[in-house]
């Protein structure tokens, strides 16, 4: 039985206390802490207050592409052609029901104890939980449903959960946490696009993607903003 309603929200609709809030999280960068790895790692958390509407917006792009003879099974910013990226970003620039929080770090400032997959992933996950606690405290919703991209093996997922659940418990609301590949959900693909746009700006100094979404509601936080020591 659907609990979020059978249609997207319309102007004038109220989000009731029985409405769950969905958060989709994707990452960019890798966990290689050497000169051969990426310089940055980031997570983009997309808060979808009307997940049906945002999913339908991207679904419409897919159908438009199909009508143009383009077979695009799912959207993946780093692999999509520029023409497709342009169409997706044009839609993302006009999604009032979506807001994004980006947490990023220059990995060179990660202390040796943090230079492993679970510790780094947990650090970011905990930071996102704290952001949600701070941002969503005044909003009305029944529970938070958090969907992480499936980037970790099962053993590491369990270790991550043990680290991040204490922070999530402070939300004071019920929550559910899932690991699912972003390619299976349009809102996950929205998170992928926001993550990639911010990543290439940090990693390559390429801000063209960010410049194409000036209306997007987005905040950013440098996790190692007070770092002074580069460890590698």
C-alpha atoms as a PDB file:
ATOM      1  CA  UNK A   1       0.000   0.000   0.000  1.00  0.00           C
ATOM      2  CA  UNK A   2       1.475   3.350  -1.038  1.00  0.00           C
ATOM      3  CA  UNK A   3       2.014   5.715   1.863  1.00  0.00           C
ATOM      4  CA  UNK A   4       3.257   8.744  -0.021  1.00  0.00           C
ATOM      5  CA  UNK A   5       0.157   9.272  -2.125  1.00  0.00           C
ATOM      6  CA  UNK A   6      -0.761   8.196  -5.623  1.00  0.00           C
ATOM      7  CA  UNK A   7       0.031  11.524  -7.286  1.00  0.00           C
ATOM      8  CA  UNK A   8       2.725  14.199  -7.025  1.00  0.00           C
ATOM      9  CA  UNK A   9       2.078  17.125  -4.690  1.00  0.00           C
ATOM     10  CA  UNK A  10       0.347  20.117  -6.235  1.00  0.00           C
ATOM     11  CA  UNK A  11       0.505  23.801  -5.379  1.00  0.00           C
ATOM     12  CA  UNK A  12      -1.333  24.353  -2.134  1.00  0.00           C
ATOM     13  CA  UNK A  13      -0.911  20.784  -0.891  1.00  0.00           C
ATOM     14  CA  UNK A  14       0.412  20.343   2.631  1.00  0.00           C
ATOM     15  CA  UNK A  15       3.061  17.804   3.561  1.00  0.00           C
ATOM     16  CA  UNK A  16       1.385  16.006   6.449  1.00  0.00           C
ATOM     17  CA  UNK A  17       3.047  14.519   9.463  1.00  0.00           C
ATOM     18  CA  UNK A  18       2.346  11.108   7.949  1.00  0.00           C
ATOM     19  CA  UNK A  19       4.511  11.812   4.911  1.00  0.00           C
ATOM     20  CA  UNK A  20       7.936  10.139   4.863  1.00  0.00           C
ATOM     21  CA  UNK A  21      10.922  12.181   3.763  1.00  0.00           C
ATOM     22  CA  UNK A  22      13.298  10.583   1.265  1.00  0.00           C
ATOM     23  CA  UNK A  23      17.036  11.284   1.100  1.00  0.00           C
ATOM     24  CA  UNK A  24      19.144   9.857  -1.738  1.00  0.00           C
ATOM     25  CA  UNK A  25      22.923   9.850  -1.378  1.00  0.00           C
ATOM     26  CA  UNK A  26      25.605   9.256  -3.980  1.00  0.00           C
ATOM     27  CA  UNK A  27      29.359   9.663  -3.827  1.00  0.00           C
ATOM     28  CA  UNK A  28      32.168  10.698  -6.165  1.00  0.00           C
ATOM     29  CA  UNK A  29      35.860  10.007  -5.806  1.00  0.00           C
ATOM     30  CA  UNK A  30      37.511   6.845  -4.542  1.00  0.00           C
ATOM     31  CA  UNK A  31      39.101   5.401  -1.426  1.00  0.00           C
ATOM     32  CA  UNK A  32      42.632   5.209  -2.826  1.00  0.00           C
ATOM     33  CA  UNK A  33      44.809   7.259  -0.463  1.00  0.00           C
ATOM     34  CA  UNK A  34      47.835   7.504  -2.707  1.00  0.00           C
ATOM     35  CA  UNK A  35      49.077   9.646  -5.560  1.00  0.00           C
ATOM     36  CA  UNK A  36      47.138   7.358  -7.891  1.00  0.00           C
ATOM     37  CA  UNK A  37      43.796   8.061  -6.233  1.00  0.00           C
ATOM     38  CA  UNK A  38      41.407  10.957  -6.581  1.00  0.00           C
ATOM     39  CA  UNK A  39      42.285  14.105  -4.681  1.00  0.00           C
ATOM     40  CA  UNK A  40      38.743  14.562  -3.393  1.00  0.00           C
ATOM     41  CA  UNK A  41      35.877  12.531  -2.051  1.00  0.00           C
ATOM     42  CA  UNK A  42      32.340  13.810  -1.652  1.00  0.00           C
ATOM     43  CA  UNK A  43      28.779  12.792  -0.957  1.00  0.00           C
ATOM     44  CA  UNK A  44      25.713  14.547  -2.301  1.00  0.00           C
ATOM     45  CA  UNK A  45      22.541  14.099  -0.267  1.00  0.00           C
ATOM     46  CA  UNK A  46      19.411  14.912  -2.253  1.00  0.00           C
ATOM     47  CA  UNK A  47      16.383  15.605  -0.056  1.00  0.00           C
ATOM     48  CA  UNK A  48      13.361  14.724  -2.180  1.00  0.00           C
ATOM     49  CA  UNK A  49      10.313  16.218  -0.505  1.00  0.00           C
ATOM     50  CA  UNK A  50       8.148  15.009  -3.380  1.00  0.00           C
ATOM     51  CA  UNK A  51      10.028  11.972  -4.729  1.00  0.00           C
ATOM     52  CA  UNK A  52       7.286  11.104  -7.209  1.00  0.00           C
ATOM     53  CA  UNK A  53       7.499  14.510  -8.889  1.00  0.00           C
ATOM     54  CA  UNK A  54      11.307  14.525  -9.107  1.00  0.00           C
ATOM     55  CA  UNK A  55      11.379  10.942 -10.407  1.00  0.00           C
ATOM     56  CA  UNK A  56       8.728  11.782 -13.008  1.00  0.00           C
ATOM     57  CA  UNK A  57      10.754  14.778 -14.177  1.00  0.00           C
ATOM     58  CA  UNK A  58      13.699  12.543 -15.012  1.00  0.00           C
ATOM     59  CA  UNK A  59      11.421   9.835 -16.392  1.00  0.00           C
ATOM     60  CA  UNK A  60      10.110  12.431 -18.856  1.00  0.00           C
ATOM     61  CA  UNK A  61      13.665  13.070 -20.074  1.00  0.00           C
ATOM     62  CA  UNK A  62      14.125   9.357 -20.667  1.00  0.00           C
ATOM     63  CA  UNK A  63      10.890   9.147 -22.669  1.00  0.00           C
ATOM     64  CA  UNK A  64      11.872  12.220 -24.705  1.00  0.00           C
ATOM     65  CA  UNK A  65      15.184  10.580 -25.521  1.00  0.00           C
ATOM     66  CA  UNK A  66      13.442   7.365 -26.533  1.00  0.00           C
ATOM     67  CA  UNK A  67      11.178   9.328 -28.868  1.00  0.00           C
ATOM     68  CA  UNK A  68      14.355  10.765 -30.407  1.00  0.00           C
ATOM     69  CA  UNK A  69      15.727   7.254 -30.954  1.00  0.00           C
ATOM     70  CA  UNK A  70      18.172   7.363 -28.030  1.00  0.00           C
ATOM     71  CA  UNK A  71      18.311   4.289 -25.795  1.00  0.00           C
ATOM     72  CA  UNK A  72      19.385   5.517 -22.343  1.00  0.00           C
ATOM     73  CA  UNK A  73      18.607   2.780 -19.752  1.00  0.00           C
ATOM     74  CA  UNK A  74      19.553   5.046 -16.853  1.00  0.00           C
ATOM     75  CA  UNK A  75      21.396   8.306 -16.296  1.00  0.00           C
ATOM     76  CA  UNK A  76      25.008   8.293 -15.099  1.00  0.00           C
ATOM     77  CA  UNK A  77      26.695  11.676 -15.321  1.00  0.00           C
ATOM     78  CA  UNK A  78      30.298  10.532 -15.720  1.00  0.00           C
ATOM     79  CA  UNK A  79      29.394   8.281 -18.669  1.00  0.00           C
ATOM     80  CA  UNK A  80      26.536  10.153 -20.351  1.00  0.00           C
ATOM     81  CA  UNK A  81      27.170  12.155 -23.507  1.00  0.00           C
ATOM     82  CA  UNK A  82      27.262  15.915 -23.080  1.00  0.00           C
ATOM     83  CA  UNK A  83      23.999  16.396 -24.971  1.00  0.00           C
ATOM     84  CA  UNK A  84      22.235  14.107 -22.503  1.00  0.00           C
ATOM     85  CA  UNK A  85      23.881  15.807 -19.527  1.00  0.00           C
ATOM     86  CA  UNK A  86      22.626  19.145 -20.815  1.00  0.00           C
ATOM     87  CA  UNK A  87      19.040  17.863 -20.919  1.00  0.00           C
ATOM     88  CA  UNK A  88      19.257  16.347 -17.452  1.00  0.00           C
ATOM     89  CA  UNK A  89      20.821  19.437 -15.877  1.00  0.00           C
ATOM     90  CA  UNK A  90      18.140  21.610 -17.481  1.00  0.00           C
ATOM     91  CA  UNK A  91      15.546  19.567 -15.588  1.00  0.00           C
ATOM     92  CA  UNK A  92      17.510  19.548 -12.332  1.00  0.00           C
ATOM     93  CA  UNK A  93      17.669  23.330 -12.477  1.00  0.00           C
ATOM     94  CA  UNK A  94      13.867  23.447 -12.246  1.00  0.00           C
ATOM     95  CA  UNK A  95      13.097  21.064  -9.363  1.00  0.00           C
ATOM     96  CA  UNK A  96      11.721  23.113  -6.443  1.00  0.00           C
ATOM     97  CA  UNK A  97      10.905  19.989  -4.405  1.00  0.00           C
ATOM     98  CA  UNK A  98      14.577  18.938  -4.277  1.00  0.00           C
ATOM     99  CA  UNK A  99      17.420  20.365  -2.204  1.00  0.00           C
ATOM    100  CA  UNK A 100      20.974  19.068  -2.071  1.00  0.00           C
ATOM    101  CA  UNK A 101      23.659  19.101   0.588  1.00  0.00           C
ATOM    102  CA  UNK A 102      27.209  18.329  -0.521  1.00  0.00           C
ATOM    103  CA  UNK A 103      29.886  17.211   1.923  1.00  0.00           C
ATOM    104  CA  UNK A 104      33.386  17.089   0.488  1.00  0.00           C
ATOM    105  CA  UNK A 105      37.014  16.797   1.506  1.00  0.00           C
ATOM    106  CA  UNK A 106      40.503  16.955   0.111  1.00  0.00           C
ATOM    107  CA  UNK A 107      41.676  13.427   0.950  1.00  0.00           C
ATOM    108  CA  UNK A 108      45.274  14.565   1.445  1.00  0.00           C
ATOM    109  CA  UNK A 109      44.163  16.007   4.800  1.00  0.00           C
ATOM    110  CA  UNK A 110      42.782  12.664   6.005  1.00  0.00           C
ATOM    111  CA  UNK A 111      44.780  11.417   8.991  1.00  0.00           C
ATOM    112  CA  UNK A 112      46.178   7.866   8.631  1.00  0.00           C
ATOM    113  CA  UNK A 113      43.454   6.470  10.921  1.00  0.00           C
ATOM    114  CA  UNK A 114      40.836   7.686   8.425  1.00  0.00           C
ATOM    115  CA  UNK A 115      42.543   6.287   5.368  1.00  0.00           C
ATOM    116  CA  UNK A 116      40.309   3.275   4.860  1.00  0.00           C
ATOM    117  CA  UNK A 117      36.954   2.744   3.212  1.00  0.00           C
ATOM    118  CA  UNK A 118      34.735   2.172   6.254  1.00  0.00           C
ATOM    119  CA  UNK A 119      36.193   4.990   8.387  1.00  0.00           C
ATOM    120  CA  UNK A 120      35.971   7.537   5.574  1.00  0.00           C
ATOM    121  CA  UNK A 121      32.492   6.450   4.506  1.00  0.00           C
ATOM    122  CA  UNK A 122      31.334   6.523   8.122  1.00  0.00           C
ATOM    123  CA  UNK A 123      32.787   9.985   8.660  1.00  0.00           C
ATOM    124  CA  UNK A 124      30.808  11.301   5.715  1.00  0.00           C
ATOM    125  CA  UNK A 125      27.663   9.388   6.635  1.00  0.00           C
ATOM    126  CA  UNK A 126      27.787  10.751  10.178  1.00  0.00           C
ATOM    127  CA  UNK A 127      28.256  14.294   8.854  1.00  0.00           C
ATOM    128  CA  UNK A 128      25.189  13.887   6.648  1.00  0.00           C
ATOM    129  CA  UNK A 129      23.176  12.598   9.610  1.00  0.00           C
ATOM    130  CA  UNK A 130      24.185  15.679  11.615  1.00  0.00           C
ATOM    131  CA  UNK A 131      23.172  17.914   8.730  1.00  0.00           C
ATOM    132  CA  UNK A 132      19.772  16.217   8.532  1.00  0.00           C
ATOM    133  CA  UNK A 133      19.332  16.619  12.276  1.00  0.00           C
ATOM    134  CA  UNK A 134      20.090  20.326  12.038  1.00  0.00           C
ATOM    135  CA  UNK A 135      18.090  20.997   8.870  1.00  0.00           C
ATOM    136  CA  UNK A 136      15.005  18.845   9.294  1.00  0.00           C
ATOM    137  CA  UNK A 137      14.278  19.483  12.967  1.00  0.00           C
ATOM    138  CA  UNK A 138      11.469  21.927  12.159  1.00  0.00           C
ATOM    139  CA  UNK A 139       9.897  19.980   9.289  1.00  0.00           C
ATOM    140  CA  UNK A 140       6.866  17.719   9.524  1.00  0.00           C
ATOM    141  CA  UNK A 141       7.321  14.150   8.370  1.00  0.00           C
ATOM    142  CA  UNK A 142       6.656  10.707   9.754  1.00  0.00           C
ATOM    143  CA  UNK A 143      10.041   9.108   9.100  1.00  0.00           C
ATOM    144  CA  UNK A 144      13.234   9.538   7.128  1.00  0.00           C
ATOM    145  CA  UNK A 145      14.070   7.055   4.404  1.00  0.00           C
ATOM    146  CA  UNK A 146      17.755   7.284   3.508  1.00  0.00           C
ATOM    147  CA  UNK A 147      19.034   5.534   0.394  1.00  0.00           C
ATOM    148  CA  UNK A 148      22.802   5.252  -0.060  1.00  0.00           C
ATOM    149  CA  UNK A 149      24.347   4.176  -3.331  1.00  0.00           C
ATOM    150  CA  UNK A 150      25.512   0.588  -3.057  1.00  0.00           C
ATOM    151  CA  UNK A 151      29.228   1.336  -3.078  1.00  0.00           C
ATOM    152  CA  UNK A 152      30.315  -0.934  -0.212  1.00  0.00           C
ATOM    153  CA  UNK A 153      30.492  -4.729   0.124  1.00  0.00           C
ATOM    154  CA  UNK A 154      28.069  -6.213   2.660  1.00  0.00           C
ATOM    155  CA  UNK A 155      30.697  -6.567   5.404  1.00  0.00           C
ATOM    156  CA  UNK A 156      31.624  -2.896   5.106  1.00  0.00           C
ATOM    157  CA  UNK A 157      27.952  -1.897   5.032  1.00  0.00           C
ATOM    158  CA  UNK A 158      27.471  -3.503   8.454  1.00  0.00           C
ATOM    159  CA  UNK A 159      30.550  -1.762   9.844  1.00  0.00           C
ATOM    160  CA  UNK A 160      29.312   1.529   8.411  1.00  0.00           C
ATOM    161  CA  UNK A 161      25.885   1.091  10.012  1.00  0.00           C
ATOM    162  CA  UNK A 162      27.469   0.481  13.408  1.00  0.00           C
ATOM    163  CA  UNK A 163      29.298   3.794  13.065  1.00  0.00           C
ATOM    164  CA  UNK A 164      26.502   5.966  11.690  1.00  0.00           C
ATOM    165  CA  UNK A 165      23.403   4.721  13.532  1.00  0.00           C
ATOM    166  CA  UNK A 166      24.175   6.638  16.771  1.00  0.00           C
ATOM    167  CA  UNK A 167      24.076   9.880  14.790  1.00  0.00           C
ATOM    168  CA  UNK A 168      20.876   8.876  13.005  1.00  0.00           C
ATOM    169  CA  UNK A 169      19.232   7.970  16.303  1.00  0.00           C
ATOM    170  CA  UNK A 170      19.489  11.624  17.300  1.00  0.00           C
ATOM    171  CA  UNK A 171      17.075  12.563  14.522  1.00  0.00           C
ATOM    172  CA  UNK A 172      14.293  11.802  16.963  1.00  0.00           C
ATOM    173  CA  UNK A 173      12.201  10.306  14.152  1.00  0.00           C
ATOM    174  CA  UNK A 174      11.960   6.777  12.840  1.00  0.00           C
ATOM    175  CA  UNK A 175      14.319   6.132   9.955  1.00  0.00           C
ATOM    176  CA  UNK A 176      15.050   3.414   7.454  1.00  0.00           C
ATOM    177  CA  UNK A 177      18.373   3.053   5.690  1.00  0.00           C
ATOM    178  CA  UNK A 178      18.902   1.211   2.419  1.00  0.00           C
ATOM    179  CA  UNK A 179      21.812   0.508   0.100  1.00  0.00           C
ATOM    180  CA  UNK A 180      20.673   0.461  -3.529  1.00  0.00           C
ATOM    181  CA  UNK A 181      22.438   1.128  -6.801  1.00  0.00           C
ATOM    182  CA  UNK A 182      21.490   4.593  -8.047  1.00  0.00           C
ATOM    183  CA  UNK A 183      20.769   3.180 -11.488  1.00  0.00           C
ATOM    184  CA  UNK A 184      17.561   1.637 -10.137  1.00  0.00           C
ATOM    185  CA  UNK A 185      15.989   4.911  -9.003  1.00  0.00           C
ATOM    186  CA  UNK A 186      15.609   8.241 -10.770  1.00  0.00           C
ATOM    187  CA  UNK A 187      16.087  10.152  -7.525  1.00  0.00           C
ATOM    188  CA  UNK A 188      19.320   8.259  -7.003  1.00  0.00           C
ATOM    189  CA  UNK A 189      20.376   9.357 -10.481  1.00  0.00           C
ATOM    190  CA  UNK A 190      19.589  12.950  -9.527  1.00  0.00           C
ATOM    191  CA  UNK A 191      21.998  12.513  -6.599  1.00  0.00           C
ATOM    192  CA  UNK A 192      24.571  11.079  -9.022  1.00  0.00           C
ATOM    193  CA  UNK A 193      24.333  14.183 -11.216  1.00  0.00           C
ATOM    194  CA  UNK A 194      24.668  16.608  -8.314  1.00  0.00           C
ATOM    195  CA  UNK A 195      27.617  14.636  -6.947  1.00  0.00           C
ATOM    196  CA  UNK A 196      29.374  14.613 -10.315  1.00  0.00           C
ATOM    197  CA  UNK A 197      28.822  18.322 -10.952  1.00  0.00           C
ATOM    198  CA  UNK A 198      30.441  19.213  -7.640  1.00  0.00           C
ATOM    199  CA  UNK A 199      33.183  16.617  -8.016  1.00  0.00           C
ATOM    200  CA  UNK A 200      34.491  17.852 -11.357  1.00  0.00           C
ATOM    201  CA  UNK A 201      34.460  21.407 -10.009  1.00  0.00           C
ATOM    202  CA  UNK A 202      36.705  20.323  -7.136  1.00  0.00           C
ATOM    203  CA  UNK A 203      38.845  17.769  -8.923  1.00  0.00           C
ATOM    204  CA  UNK A 204      39.320  19.472 -12.307  1.00  0.00           C
ATOM    205  CA  UNK A 205      38.281  23.053 -11.702  1.00  0.00           C
ATOM    206  CA  UNK A 206      35.515  22.463 -14.268  1.00  0.00           C
ATOM    207  CA  UNK A 207      32.483  24.468 -13.140  1.00  0.00           C
ATOM    208  CA  UNK A 208      30.410  24.241 -16.318  1.00  0.00           C
ATOM    209  CA  UNK A 209      27.973  21.721 -14.852  1.00  0.00           C
ATOM    210  CA  UNK A 210      27.450  23.805 -11.704  1.00  0.00           C
ATOM    211  CA  UNK A 211      26.976  26.913 -13.830  1.00  0.00           C
ATOM    212  CA  UNK A 212      24.124  25.164 -15.648  1.00  0.00           C
ATOM    213  CA  UNK A 213      22.068  24.740 -12.450  1.00  0.00           C
ATOM    214  CA  UNK A 214      22.035  28.230 -10.869  1.00  0.00           C
ATOM    215  CA  UNK A 215      18.510  27.756  -9.469  1.00  0.00           C
ATOM    216  CA  UNK A 216      19.327  24.513  -7.669  1.00  0.00           C
ATOM    217  CA  UNK A 217      18.927  24.680  -3.901  1.00  0.00           C
ATOM    218  CA  UNK A 218      22.321  23.503  -2.715  1.00  0.00           C
ATOM    219  CA  UNK A 219      24.555  23.848   0.330  1.00  0.00           C
ATOM    220  CA  UNK A 220      28.141  22.671   0.716  1.00  0.00           C
ATOM    221  CA  UNK A 221      30.421  21.774   3.595  1.00  0.00           C
ATOM    222  CA  UNK A 222      34.173  21.119   3.587  1.00  0.00           C
ATOM    223  CA  UNK A 223      34.718  18.328   6.096  1.00  0.00           C
ATOM    224  CA  UNK A 224      38.449  19.069   6.474  1.00  0.00           C
ATOM    225  CA  UNK A 225      38.102  22.854   6.344  1.00  0.00           C
ATOM    226  CA  UNK A 226      40.337  23.244   9.431  1.00  0.00           C
ATOM    227  CA  UNK A 227      42.994  20.812   8.235  1.00  0.00           C
ATOM    228  CA  UNK A 228      46.575  22.027   8.161  1.00  0.00           C
ATOM    229  CA  UNK A 229      48.552  18.824   7.571  1.00  0.00           C
ATOM    230  CA  UNK A 230      48.715  16.908   4.331  1.00  0.00           C
ATOM    231  CA  UNK A 231      49.496  13.257   5.087  1.00  0.00           C
ATOM    232  CA  UNK A 232      50.469  12.123   1.599  1.00  0.00           C
END
